[in-house]
PDB file of N, CA and C in Angstrom:
ATOM      1  N   MET A   1       0.839  -1.183   0.000  1.00  0.00           N
ATOM      2  CA  MET A   1       0.000   0.000   0.000  1.00  0.00           C
ATOM      3  C   MET A   1       0.881   1.242   0.000  1.00  0.00           C
ATOM      4  N   SER A   2       0.527   2.177  -0.795  1.00  0.00           N
ATOM      5  CA  SER A   2       1.305   3.408  -0.877  1.00  0.00           C
ATOM      6  C   SER A   2       1.010   4.301   0.325  1.00  0.00           C
ATOM      7  N   ASP A   3       1.735   5.393   0.405  1.00  0.00           N
ATOM      8  CA  ASP A   3       1.551   6.315   1.517  1.00  0.00           C
ATOM      9  C   ASP A   3       0.252   7.093   1.362  1.00  0.00           C
ATOM     10  N   ILE A   4      -0.589   6.979   2.355  1.00  0.00           N
ATOM     11  CA  ILE A   4      -1.859   7.701   2.373  1.00  0.00           C
ATOM     12  C   ILE A   4      -1.580   9.126   2.826  1.00  0.00           C
ATOM     13  N   TYR A   5      -2.236  10.080   2.193  1.00  0.00           N
ATOM     14  CA  TYR A   5      -2.085  11.466   2.621  1.00  0.00           C
ATOM     15  C   TYR A   5      -3.460  12.095   2.771  1.00  0.00           C
ATOM     16  N   TRP A   6      -3.485  13.280   3.368  1.00  0.00           N
ATOM     17  CA  TRP A   6      -4.739  13.966   3.694  1.00  0.00           C
ATOM     18  C   TRP A   6      -4.813  15.318   2.999  1.00  0.00           C
ATOM     19  N   LYS A   7      -6.018  15.683   2.575  1.00  0.00           N
ATOM     20  CA  LYS A   7      -6.296  17.013   2.018  1.00  0.00           C
ATOM     21  C   LYS A   7      -7.572  17.532   2.671  1.00  0.00           C
ATOM     22  N   ARG A   8      -7.686  18.845   2.751  1.00  0.00           N
ATOM     23  CA  ARG A   8      -8.965  19.407   3.188  1.00  0.00           C
ATOM     24  C   ARG A   8     -10.028  18.966   2.188  1.00  0.00           C
ATOM     25  N   THR A   9     -11.177  18.579   2.695  1.00  0.00           N
ATOM     26  CA  THR A   9     -12.246  18.095   1.826  1.00  0.00           C
ATOM     27  C   THR A   9     -12.666  19.150   0.812  1.00  0.00           C
ATOM     28  N   SER A  10     -12.632  20.408   1.189  1.00  0.00           N
ATOM     29  CA  SER A  10     -12.992  21.469   0.234  1.00  0.00           C
ATOM     30  C   SER A  10     -12.013  21.524  -0.938  1.00  0.00           C
ATOM     31  N   ASP A  11     -10.756  21.104  -0.731  1.00  0.00           N
ATOM     32  CA  ASP A  11      -9.782  21.059  -1.820  1.00  0.00           C
ATOM     33  C   ASP A  11     -10.013  19.860  -2.741  1.00  0.00           C
ATOM     34  N   VAL A  12     -10.710  18.849  -2.238  1.00  0.00           N
ATOM     35  CA  VAL A  12     -10.996  17.649  -3.023  1.00  0.00           C
ATOM     36  C   VAL A  12     -12.304  17.785  -3.786  1.00  0.00           C
ATOM     37  N   TRP A  13     -13.367  18.178  -3.088  1.00  0.00           N
ATOM     38  CA  TRP A  13     -14.715  18.189  -3.659  1.00  0.00           C
ATOM     39  C   TRP A  13     -15.205  19.578  -4.055  1.00  0.00           C
ATOM     40  N   GLY A  14     -14.475  20.618  -3.701  1.00  0.00           N
ATOM     41  CA  GLY A  14     -14.910  21.979  -4.018  1.00  0.00           C
ATOM     42  C   GLY A  14     -15.191  22.771  -2.756  1.00  0.00           C
ATOM     43  N   ASP A  15     -15.204  24.082  -2.889  1.00  0.00           N
ATOM     44  CA  ASP A  15     -15.339  24.967  -1.735  1.00  0.00           C
ATOM     45  C   ASP A  15     -16.606  24.753  -0.928  1.00  0.00           C
ATOM     46  N   GLU A  16     -17.678  24.263  -1.560  1.00  0.00           N
ATOM     47  CA  GLU A  16     -18.929  24.090  -0.836  1.00  0.00           C
ATOM     48  C   GLU A  16     -18.914  22.846   0.056  1.00  0.00           C
ATOM     49  N   ALA A  17     -17.896  22.013  -0.076  1.00  0.00           N
ATOM     50  CA  ALA A  17     -17.830  20.764   0.685  1.00  0.00           C
ATOM     51  C   ALA A  17     -17.072  20.949   1.986  1.00  0.00           C
ATOM     52  N   GLY A  18     -17.700  20.565   3.059  1.00  0.00           N
ATOM     53  CA  GLY A  18     -17.023  20.533   4.337  1.00  0.00           C
ATOM     54  C   GLY A  18     -16.699  21.892   4.909  1.00  0.00           C
ATOM     55  N   ASP A  19     -15.960  21.859   5.982  1.00  0.00           N
ATOM     56  CA  ASP A  19     -15.522  23.056   6.677  1.00  0.00           C
ATOM     57  C   ASP A  19     -14.032  22.903   6.970  1.00  0.00           C
ATOM     58  N   PRO A  20     -13.405  23.853   7.650  1.00  0.00           N
ATOM     59  CA  PRO A  20     -11.954  23.770   7.876  1.00  0.00           C
ATOM     60  C   PRO A  20     -11.495  22.558   8.688  1.00  0.00           C
ATOM     61  N   THR A  21     -12.412  21.892   9.387  1.00  0.00           N
ATOM     62  CA  THR A  21     -12.027  20.716  10.165  1.00  0.00           C
ATOM     63  C   THR A  21     -12.366  19.415   9.449  1.00  0.00           C
ATOM     64  N   ASP A  22     -12.647  19.463   8.165  1.00  0.00           N
ATOM     65  CA  ASP A  22     -13.072  18.299   7.383  1.00  0.00           C
ATOM     66  C   ASP A  22     -11.940  17.905   6.433  1.00  0.00           C
ATOM     67  N   PHE A  23     -11.429  16.668   6.574  1.00  0.00           N
ATOM     68  CA  PHE A  23     -10.294  16.191   5.791  1.00  0.00           C
ATOM     69  C   PHE A  23     -10.631  14.872   5.103  1.00  0.00           C
ATOM     70  N   THR A  24     -10.079  14.665   3.903  1.00  0.00           N
ATOM     71  CA  THR A  24     -10.260  13.431   3.138  1.00  0.00           C
ATOM     72  C   THR A  24      -8.923  12.709   3.032  1.00  0.00           C
ATOM     73  N   ALA A  25      -8.933  11.390   3.291  1.00  0.00           N
ATOM     74  CA  ALA A  25      -7.743  10.554   3.149  1.00  0.00           C
ATOM     75  C   ALA A  25      -7.660  10.059   1.714  1.00  0.00           C
ATOM     76  N   ILE A  26      -6.457  10.084   1.160  1.00  0.00           N
ATOM     77  CA  ILE A  26      -6.241   9.718  -0.238  1.00  0.00           C
ATOM     78  C   ILE A  26      -5.079   8.733  -0.336  1.00  0.00           C
ATOM     79  N   ASP A  27      -5.299   7.672  -1.104  1.00  0.00           N
ATOM     80  CA  ASP A  27      -4.230   6.739  -1.451  1.00  0.00           C
ATOM     81  C   ASP A  27      -3.878   7.035  -2.907  1.00  0.00           C
ATOM     82  N   PRO A  28      -2.703   7.601  -3.185  1.00  0.00           N
ATOM     83  CA  PRO A  28      -2.389   8.081  -4.529  1.00  0.00           C
ATOM     84  C   PRO A  28      -2.095   7.007  -5.569  1.00  0.00           C
ATOM     85  N   GLU A  29      -1.859   5.775  -5.153  1.00  0.00           N
ATOM     86  CA  GLU A  29      -1.402   4.777  -6.126  1.00  0.00           C
ATOM     87  C   GLU A  29      -2.158   3.462  -6.014  1.00  0.00           C
ATOM     88  N   ARG A  30      -3.454   3.501  -6.059  1.00  0.00           N
ATOM     89  CA  ARG A  30      -4.230   2.266  -5.998  1.00  0.00           C
ATOM     90  C   ARG A  30      -4.233   1.596  -7.360  1.00  0.00           C
ATOM     91  N   PRO A  31      -3.772   0.359  -7.465  1.00  0.00           N
ATOM     92  CA  PRO A  31      -3.810  -0.342  -8.747  1.00  0.00           C
ATOM     93  C   PRO A  31      -5.242  -0.451  -9.265  1.00  0.00           C
ATOM     94  N   GLY A  32      -5.439  -0.174 -10.533  1.00  0.00           N
ATOM     95  CA  GLY A  32      -6.748  -0.318 -11.149  1.00  0.00           C
ATOM     96  C   GLY A  32      -7.730   0.784 -10.817  1.00  0.00           C
ATOM     97  N   SER A  33      -7.275   1.861 -10.205  1.00  0.00           N
ATOM     98  CA  SER A  33      -8.185   2.949  -9.846  1.00  0.00           C
ATOM     99  C   SER A  33      -7.771   4.219 -10.566  1.00  0.00           C
ATOM    100  N   GLU A  34      -8.538   5.252 -10.353  1.00  0.00           N
ATOM    101  CA  GLU A  34      -8.174   6.561 -10.878  1.00  0.00           C
ATOM    102  C   GLU A  34      -6.862   6.984 -10.217  1.00  0.00           C
ATOM    103  N   PRO A  35      -6.254   8.075 -10.675  1.00  0.00           N
ATOM    104  CA  PRO A  35      -4.972   8.486 -10.095  1.00  0.00           C
ATOM    105  C   PRO A  35      -5.005   8.634  -8.577  1.00  0.00           C
ATOM    106  N   GLU A  36      -6.107   9.112  -8.036  1.00  0.00           N
ATOM    107  CA  GLU A  36      -6.218   9.224  -6.586  1.00  0.00           C
ATOM    108  C   GLU A  36      -7.427   8.424  -6.119  1.00  0.00           C
ATOM    109  N   GLN A  37      -7.254   7.673  -5.046  1.00  0.00           N
ATOM    110  CA  GLN A  37      -8.334   6.876  -4.474  1.00  0.00           C
ATOM    111  C   GLN A  37      -8.739   7.516  -3.152  1.00  0.00           C
ATOM    112  N   TYR A  38      -9.954   8.047  -3.072  1.00  0.00           N
ATOM    113  CA  TYR A  38     -10.457   8.634  -1.837  1.00  0.00           C
ATOM    114  C   TYR A  38     -10.914   7.501  -0.934  1.00  0.00           C
ATOM    115  N   ILE A  39     -10.387   7.449   0.276  1.00  0.00           N
ATOM    116  CA  ILE A  39     -10.675   6.285   1.109  1.00  0.00           C
ATOM    117  C   ILE A  39     -11.511   6.589   2.343  1.00  0.00           C
ATOM    118  N   GLY A  40     -11.412   7.780   2.902  1.00  0.00           N
ATOM    119  CA  GLY A  40     -12.183   8.081   4.102  1.00  0.00           C
ATOM    120  C   GLY A  40     -12.080   9.543   4.478  1.00  0.00           C
ATOM    121  N   ARG A  41     -12.827   9.900   5.510  1.00  0.00           N
ATOM    122  CA  ARG A  41     -12.847  11.298   5.958  1.00  0.00           C
ATOM    123  C   ARG A  41     -12.809  11.365   7.471  1.00  0.00           C
ATOM    124  N   VAL A  42     -12.280  12.478   7.968  1.00  0.00           N
ATOM    125  CA  VAL A  42     -12.404  12.843   9.380  1.00  0.00           C
ATOM    126  C   VAL A  42     -12.904  14.275   9.432  1.00  0.00           C
ATOM    127  N   MET A  43     -13.749  14.550  10.405  1.00  0.00           N
ATOM    128  CA  MET A  43     -14.253  15.912  10.592  1.00  0.00           C
ATOM    129  C   MET A  43     -14.616  16.104  12.055  1.00  0.00           C
ATOM    130  N   GLN A  44     -14.461  17.318  12.514  1.00  0.00           N
ATOM    131  CA  GLN A  44     -14.761  17.624  13.905  1.00  0.00           C
ATOM    132  C   GLN A  44     -16.220  18.041  14.045  1.00  0.00           C
ATOM    133  N   HIS A  45     -16.875  17.471  15.067  1.00  0.00           N
ATOM    134  CA  HIS A  45     -18.232  17.917  15.390  1.00  0.00           C
ATOM    135  C   HIS A  45     -18.128  19.336  15.937  1.00  0.00           C
ATOM    136  N   LEU A  46     -18.852  20.253  15.343  1.00  0.00           N
ATOM    137  CA  LEU A  46     -18.780  21.659  15.744  1.00  0.00           C
ATOM    138  C   LEU A  46     -19.904  22.070  16.683  1.00  0.00           C
ATOM    139  N   HIS A  47     -20.948  21.240  16.783  1.00  0.00           N
ATOM    140  CA  HIS A  47     -22.114  21.589  17.591  1.00  0.00           C
ATOM    141  C   HIS A  47     -22.649  20.342  18.288  1.00  0.00           C
ATOM    142  N   GLY A  48     -23.540  20.544  19.226  1.00  0.00           N
ATOM    143  CA  GLY A  48     -24.257  19.443  19.857  1.00  0.00           C
ATOM    144  C   GLY A  48     -23.466  18.729  20.932  1.00  0.00           C
ATOM    145  N   PRO A  49     -23.994  17.599  21.391  1.00  0.00           N
ATOM    146  CA  PRO A  49     -23.379  16.891  22.517  1.00  0.00           C
ATOM    147  C   PRO A  49     -22.000  16.312  22.215  1.00  0.00           C
ATOM    148  N   GLN A  50     -21.661  16.133  20.940  1.00  0.00           N
ATOM    149  CA  GLN A  50     -20.338  15.609  20.586  1.00  0.00           C
ATOM    150  C   GLN A  50     -19.381  16.710  20.124  1.00  0.00           C
ATOM    151  N   LYS A  51     -19.725  17.944  20.401  1.00  0.00           N
ATOM    152  CA  LYS A  51     -18.894  19.080  20.000  1.00  0.00           C
ATOM    153  C   LYS A  51     -17.448  18.858  20.440  1.00  0.00           C
ATOM    154  N   GLY A  52     -16.530  19.071  19.501  1.00  0.00           N
ATOM    155  CA  GLY A  52     -15.104  18.920  19.777  1.00  0.00           C
ATOM    156  C   GLY A  52     -14.554  17.542  19.461  1.00  0.00           C
ATOM    157  N   LEU A  53     -15.411  16.534  19.359  1.00  0.00           N
ATOM    158  CA  LEU A  53     -14.952  15.189  19.026  1.00  0.00           C
ATOM    159  C   LEU A  53     -14.763  15.062  17.517  1.00  0.00           C
ATOM    160  N   TRP A  54     -13.973  14.088  17.120  1.00  0.00           N
ATOM    161  CA  TRP A  54     -13.650  13.872  15.707  1.00  0.00           C
ATOM    162  C   TRP A  54     -14.342  12.620  15.195  1.00  0.00           C
ATOM    163  N   PHE A  55     -15.164  12.796  14.161  1.00  0.00           N
ATOM    164  CA  PHE A  55     -15.889  11.713  13.512  1.00  0.00           C
ATOM    165  C   PHE A  55     -15.049  11.200  12.350  1.00  0.00           C
ATOM    166  N   TRP A  56     -14.969   9.883  12.191  1.00  0.00           N
ATOM    167  CA  TRP A  56     -14.280   9.299  11.044  1.00  0.00           C
ATOM    168  C   TRP A  56     -15.236   8.368  10.309  1.00  0.00           C
ATOM    169  N   SER A  57     -15.057   8.265   8.991  1.00  0.00           N
ATOM    170  CA  SER A  57     -15.883   7.352   8.200  1.00  0.00           C
ATOM    171  C   SER A  57     -15.143   6.950   6.929  1.00  0.00           C
ATOM    172  N   MET A  58     -15.513   5.796   6.403  1.00  0.00           N
ATOM    173  CA  MET A  58     -14.921   5.286   5.174  1.00  0.00           C
ATOM    174  C   MET A  58     -15.729   5.751   3.971  1.00  0.00           C
ATOM    175  N   ILE A  59     -15.042   6.004   2.866  1.00  0.00           N
ATOM    176  CA  ILE A  59     -15.676   6.310   1.594  1.00  0.00           C
ATOM    177  C   ILE A  59     -15.604   5.078   0.690  1.00  0.00           C
ATOM    178  N   CYS A  60     -14.497   4.343   0.754  1.00  0.00           N
ATOM    179  CA  CYS A  60     -14.312   3.207  -0.148  1.00  0.00           C
ATOM    180  C   CYS A  60     -15.115   1.991   0.310  1.00  0.00           C
ATOM    181  N   THR A  61     -15.346   1.106  -0.636  1.00  0.00           N
ATOM    182  CA  THR A  61     -16.083  -0.131  -0.389  1.00  0.00           C
ATOM    183  C   THR A  61     -15.644  -1.159  -1.421  1.00  0.00           C
ATOM    184  N   ASN A  62     -16.189  -2.355  -1.341  1.00  0.00           N
ATOM    185  CA  ASN A  62     -15.882  -3.387  -2.319  1.00  0.00           C
ATOM    186  C   ASN A  62     -17.105  -4.282  -2.481  1.00  0.00           C
ATOM    187  N   PRO A  63     -17.386  -4.752  -3.706  1.00  0.00           N
ATOM    188  CA  PRO A  63     -18.504  -5.680  -3.867  1.00  0.00           C
ATOM    189  C   PRO A  63     -18.205  -6.983  -3.137  1.00  0.00           C
ATOM    190  N   GLY A  64     -19.222  -7.658  -2.747  1.00  0.00           N
ATOM    191  CA  GLY A  64     -19.040  -8.922  -2.048  1.00  0.00           C
ATOM    192  C   GLY A  64     -19.757  -8.902  -0.720  1.00  0.00           C
ATOM    193  N   PRO A  65     -19.346  -9.761   0.191  1.00  0.00           N
ATOM    194  CA  PRO A  65     -20.028  -9.812   1.484  1.00  0.00           C
ATOM    195  C   PRO A  65     -19.853  -8.508   2.259  1.00  0.00           C
ATOM    196  N   ARG A  66     -20.807  -8.266   3.135  1.00  0.00           N
ATOM    197  CA  ARG A  66     -20.757  -7.063   3.972  1.00  0.00           C
ATOM    198  C   ARG A  66     -19.518  -7.088   4.854  1.00  0.00           C
ATOM    199  N   PHE A  67     -18.814  -5.986   4.908  1.00  0.00           N
ATOM    200  CA  PHE A  67     -17.630  -5.846   5.758  1.00  0.00           C
ATOM    201  C   PHE A  67     -18.089  -5.900   7.215  1.00  0.00           C
ATOM    202  N   PRO A  68     -17.579  -6.849   8.032  1.00  0.00           N
ATOM    203  CA  PRO A  68     -18.133  -7.079   9.367  1.00  0.00           C
ATOM    204  C   PRO A  68     -17.552  -6.216  10.490  1.00  0.00           C
ATOM    205  N   PHE A  69     -16.846  -5.179  10.161  1.00  0.00           N
ATOM    206  CA  PHE A  69     -16.227  -4.337  11.181  1.00  0.00           C
ATOM    207  C   PHE A  69     -16.741  -2.907  11.056  1.00  0.00           C
ATOM    208  N   PRO A  70     -16.612  -2.093  12.108  1.00  0.00           N
ATOM    209  CA  PRO A  70     -17.082  -0.696  12.031  1.00  0.00           C
ATOM    210  C   PRO A  70     -16.376   0.075  10.922  1.00  0.00           C
ATOM    211  N   THR A  71     -17.134   0.911  10.227  1.00  0.00           N
ATOM    212  CA  THR A  71     -16.578   1.753   9.166  1.00  0.00           C
ATOM    213  C   THR A  71     -16.733   3.233   9.496  1.00  0.00           C
ATOM    214  N   ASN A  72     -17.065   3.531  10.734  1.00  0.00           N
ATOM    215  CA  ASN A  72     -17.121   4.916  11.203  1.00  0.00           C
ATOM    216  C   ASN A  72     -17.102   4.911  12.721  1.00  0.00           C
ATOM    217  N   GLY A  73     -16.796   6.054  13.285  1.00  0.00           N
ATOM    218  CA  GLY A  73     -16.756   6.170  14.732  1.00  0.00           C
ATOM    219  C   GLY A  73     -16.355   7.572  15.148  1.00  0.00           C
ATOM    220  N   THR A  74     -16.118   7.738  16.436  1.00  0.00           N
ATOM    221  CA  THR A  74     -15.764   9.037  16.996  1.00  0.00           C
ATOM    222  C   THR A  74     -14.558   8.875  17.906  1.00  0.00           C
ATOM    223  N   GLU A  75     -13.638   9.813  17.819  1.00  0.00           N
ATOM    224  CA  GLU A  75     -12.432   9.825  18.647  1.00  0.00           C
ATOM    225  C   GLU A  75     -12.246  11.207  19.261  1.00  0.00           C
ATOM    226  N   ALA A  76     -11.463  11.276  20.318  1.00  0.00           N
ATOM    227  CA  ALA A  76     -11.216  12.549  20.998  1.00  0.00           C
ATOM    228  C   ALA A  76     -10.256  13.447  20.218  1.00  0.00           C
ATOM    229  N   ARG A  77      -9.345  12.835  19.438  1.00  0.00           N
ATOM    230  CA  ARG A  77      -8.337  13.624  18.721  1.00  0.00           C
ATOM    231  C   ARG A  77      -8.358  13.318  17.230  1.00  0.00           C
ATOM    232  N   ARG A  78      -8.015  14.315  16.436  1.00  0.00           N
ATOM    233  CA  ARG A  78      -7.990  14.157  14.983  1.00  0.00           C
ATOM    234  C   ARG A  78      -7.039  13.048  14.554  1.00  0.00           C
ATOM    235  N   GLY A  79      -5.861  13.004  15.128  1.00  0.00           N
ATOM    236  CA  GLY A  79      -4.894  11.972  14.761  1.00  0.00           C
ATOM    237  C   GLY A  79      -5.417  10.567  14.994  1.00  0.00           C
ATOM    238  N   ASP A  80      -6.126  10.371  16.104  1.00  0.00           N
ATOM    239  CA  ASP A  80      -6.705   9.057  16.384  1.00  0.00           C
ATOM    240  C   ASP A  80      -7.784   8.707  15.366  1.00  0.00           C
ATOM    241  N   ALA A  81      -8.612   9.683  15.003  1.00  0.00           N
ATOM    242  CA  ALA A  81      -9.646   9.442  13.989  1.00  0.00           C
ATOM    243  C   ALA A  81      -9.001   9.086  12.647  1.00  0.00           C
ATOM    244  N   GLY A  82      -7.939   9.786  12.285  1.00  0.00           N
ATOM    245  CA  GLY A  82      -7.228   9.479  11.046  1.00  0.00           C
ATOM    246  C   GLY A  82      -6.626   8.087  11.055  1.00  0.00           C
ATOM    247  N   ARG A  83      -6.072   7.681  12.188  1.00  0.00           N
ATOM    248  CA  ARG A  83      -5.520   6.326  12.294  1.00  0.00           C
ATOM    249  C   ARG A  83      -6.616   5.275  12.122  1.00  0.00           C
ATOM    250  N   ARG A  84      -7.801   5.547  12.628  1.00  0.00           N
ATOM    251  CA  ARG A  84      -8.920   4.600  12.474  1.00  0.00           C
ATOM    252  C   ARG A  84      -9.281   4.427  10.996  1.00  0.00           C
ATOM    253  N   VAL A  85      -9.270   5.525  10.231  1.00  0.00           N
ATOM    254  CA  VAL A  85      -9.548   5.427   8.792  1.00  0.00           C
ATOM    255  C   VAL A  85      -8.512   4.518   8.129  1.00  0.00           C
ATOM    256  N   ILE A  86      -7.246   4.742   8.411  1.00  0.00           N
ATOM    257  CA  ILE A  86      -6.181   3.958   7.786  1.00  0.00           C
ATOM    258  C   ILE A  86      -6.248   2.499   8.231  1.00  0.00           C
ATOM    259  N   GLU A  87      -6.481   2.254   9.526  1.00  0.00           N
ATOM    260  CA  GLU A  87      -6.615   0.882  10.022  1.00  0.00           C
ATOM    261  C   GLU A  87      -7.777   0.168   9.336  1.00  0.00           C
ATOM    262  N   CYS A  88      -8.902   0.849   9.217  1.00  0.00           N
ATOM    263  CA  CYS A  88     -10.076   0.254   8.585  1.00  0.00           C
ATOM    264  C   CYS A  88      -9.800  -0.039   7.111  1.00  0.00           C
ATOM    265  N   TYR A  89      -9.139   0.866   6.433  1.00  0.00           N
ATOM    266  CA  TYR A  89      -8.796   0.690   5.019  1.00  0.00           C
ATOM    267  C   TYR A  89      -7.936  -0.559   4.824  1.00  0.00           C
ATOM    268  N   ARG A  90      -6.938  -0.718   5.651  1.00  0.00           N
ATOM    269  CA  ARG A  90      -6.056  -1.885   5.548  1.00  0.00           C
ATOM    270  C   ARG A  90      -6.808  -3.167   5.893  1.00  0.00           C
ATOM    271  N   ARG A  91      -7.667  -3.082   6.887  1.00  0.00           N
ATOM    272  CA  ARG A  91      -8.461  -4.244   7.274  1.00  0.00           C
ATOM    273  C   ARG A  91      -9.419  -4.642   6.144  1.00  0.00           C
ATOM    274  N   MET A  92     -10.023  -3.651   5.495  1.00  0.00           N
ATOM    275  CA  MET A  92     -10.916  -3.936   4.362  1.00  0.00           C
ATOM    276  C   MET A  92     -10.152  -4.623   3.231  1.00  0.00           C
ATOM    277  N   ALA A  93      -8.971  -4.114   2.908  1.00  0.00           N
ATOM    278  CA  ALA A  93      -8.167  -4.706   1.837  1.00  0.00           C
ATOM    279  C   ALA A  93      -7.843  -6.162   2.159  1.00  0.00           C
ATOM    280  N   GLY A  94      -7.503  -6.437   3.417  1.00  0.00           N
ATOM    281  CA  GLY A  94      -7.228  -7.808   3.826  1.00  0.00           C
ATOM    282  C   GLY A  94      -8.468  -8.686   3.800  1.00  0.00           C
ATOM    283  N   PHE A  95      -9.583  -8.161   4.268  1.00  0.00           N
ATOM    284  CA  PHE A  95     -10.837  -8.914   4.313  1.00  0.00           C
ATOM    285  C   PHE A  95     -11.273  -9.327   2.917  1.00  0.00           C
ATOM    286  N   TYR A  96     -11.220  -8.386   1.976  1.00  0.00           N
ATOM    287  CA  TYR A  96     -11.662  -8.678   0.617  1.00  0.00           C
ATOM    288  C   TYR A  96     -10.573  -9.327  -0.233  1.00  0.00           C
ATOM    289  N   GLY A  97      -9.331  -9.311   0.259  1.00  0.00           N
ATOM    290  CA  GLY A  97      -8.245  -9.922  -0.485  1.00  0.00           C
ATOM    291  C   GLY A  97      -7.933  -9.220  -1.789  1.00  0.00           C
ATOM    292  N   VAL A  98      -8.220  -7.920  -1.836  1.00  0.00           N
ATOM    293  CA  VAL A  98      -7.963  -7.149  -3.052  1.00  0.00           C
ATOM    294  C   VAL A  98      -7.246  -5.856  -2.700  1.00  0.00           C
ATOM    295  N   PRO A  99      -6.323  -5.441  -3.555  1.00  0.00           N
ATOM    296  CA  PRO A  99      -5.628  -4.190  -3.283  1.00  0.00           C
ATOM    297  C   PRO A  99      -6.351  -2.959  -3.802  1.00  0.00           C
ATOM    298  N   ASP A 100      -7.451  -3.153  -4.547  1.00  0.00           N
ATOM    299  CA  ASP A 100      -8.062  -1.989  -5.192  1.00  0.00           C
ATOM    300  C   ASP A 100      -9.515  -1.786  -4.762  1.00  0.00           C
ATOM    301  N   LEU A 101      -9.700  -1.348  -3.540  1.00  0.00           N
ATOM    302  CA  LEU A 101     -11.030  -1.009  -3.056  1.00  0.00           C
ATOM    303  C   LEU A 101     -11.549   0.174  -3.848  1.00  0.00           C
ATOM    304  N   LYS A 102     -12.828   0.216  -4.067  1.00  0.00           N
ATOM    305  CA  LYS A 102     -13.430   1.271  -4.889  1.00  0.00           C
ATOM    306  C   LYS A 102     -14.056   2.352  -4.017  1.00  0.00           C
ATOM    307  N   THR A 103     -14.058   3.562  -4.527  1.00  0.00           N
ATOM    308  CA  THR A 103     -14.640   4.692  -3.818  1.00  0.00           C
ATOM    309  C   THR A 103     -16.108   4.823  -4.167  1.00  0.00           C
ATOM    310  N   GLN A 104     -16.928   5.059  -3.151  1.00  0.00           N
ATOM    311  CA  GLN A 104     -18.340   5.345  -3.384  1.00  0.00           C
ATOM    312  C   GLN A 104     -18.456   6.803  -3.768  1.00  0.00           C
ATOM    313  N   HIS A 105     -19.194   7.086  -4.820  1.00  0.00           N
ATOM    314  CA  HIS A 105     -19.419   8.470  -5.240  1.00  0.00           C
ATOM    315  C   HIS A 105     -20.911   8.760  -5.321  1.00  0.00           C
ATOM    316  N   SER A 106     -21.701   8.134  -4.462  1.00  0.00           N
ATOM    317  CA  SER A 106     -23.147   8.268  -4.591  1.00  0.00           C
ATOM    318  C   SER A 106     -23.635   9.695  -4.414  1.00  0.00           C
ATOM    319  N   SER A 107     -23.152  10.397  -3.400  1.00  0.00           N
ATOM    320  CA  SER A 107     -23.637  11.757  -3.178  1.00  0.00           C
ATOM    321  C   SER A 107     -22.629  12.810  -3.592  1.00  0.00           C
ATOM    322  N   GLY A 108     -21.396  12.399  -3.815  1.00  0.00           N
ATOM    323  CA  GLY A 108     -20.372  13.360  -4.183  1.00  0.00           C
ATOM    324  C   GLY A 108     -19.747  14.047  -2.984  1.00  0.00           C
ATOM    325  N   HIS A 109     -20.351  13.882  -1.817  1.00  0.00           N
ATOM    326  CA  HIS A 109     -19.793  14.515  -0.623  1.00  0.00           C
ATOM    327  C   HIS A 109     -19.736  13.533   0.532  1.00  0.00           C
ATOM    328  N   GLY A 110     -19.530  12.249   0.256  1.00  0.00           N
ATOM    329  CA  GLY A 110     -19.366  11.161   1.182  1.00  0.00           C
ATOM    330  C   GLY A 110     -19.908  11.367   2.499  1.00  0.00           C
TER     331      GLY A 110
END
């Protein structure tokens, strides 16, 4: 697996997407995919009872059986939320036995 990097979601999907605490994880060299593979996001809750916590979620998926592990959650720190995205991504690749998980683009703003 290549080195995963992060970009502000607004830089990926356009200025109307996300806020300054919203980041998208990217794997730049996925075999069989577009030049960049969007794999997950982290964003900070700005309001409500979870204000200040960091939400993480996966964007990528793969056809086949349902992935039996969590694909989103909440952490106290951004770095921990980012690590959960990367851990989940690697676990998904192992579960499906494929190096090229596909990105869901159903809504365009994951």
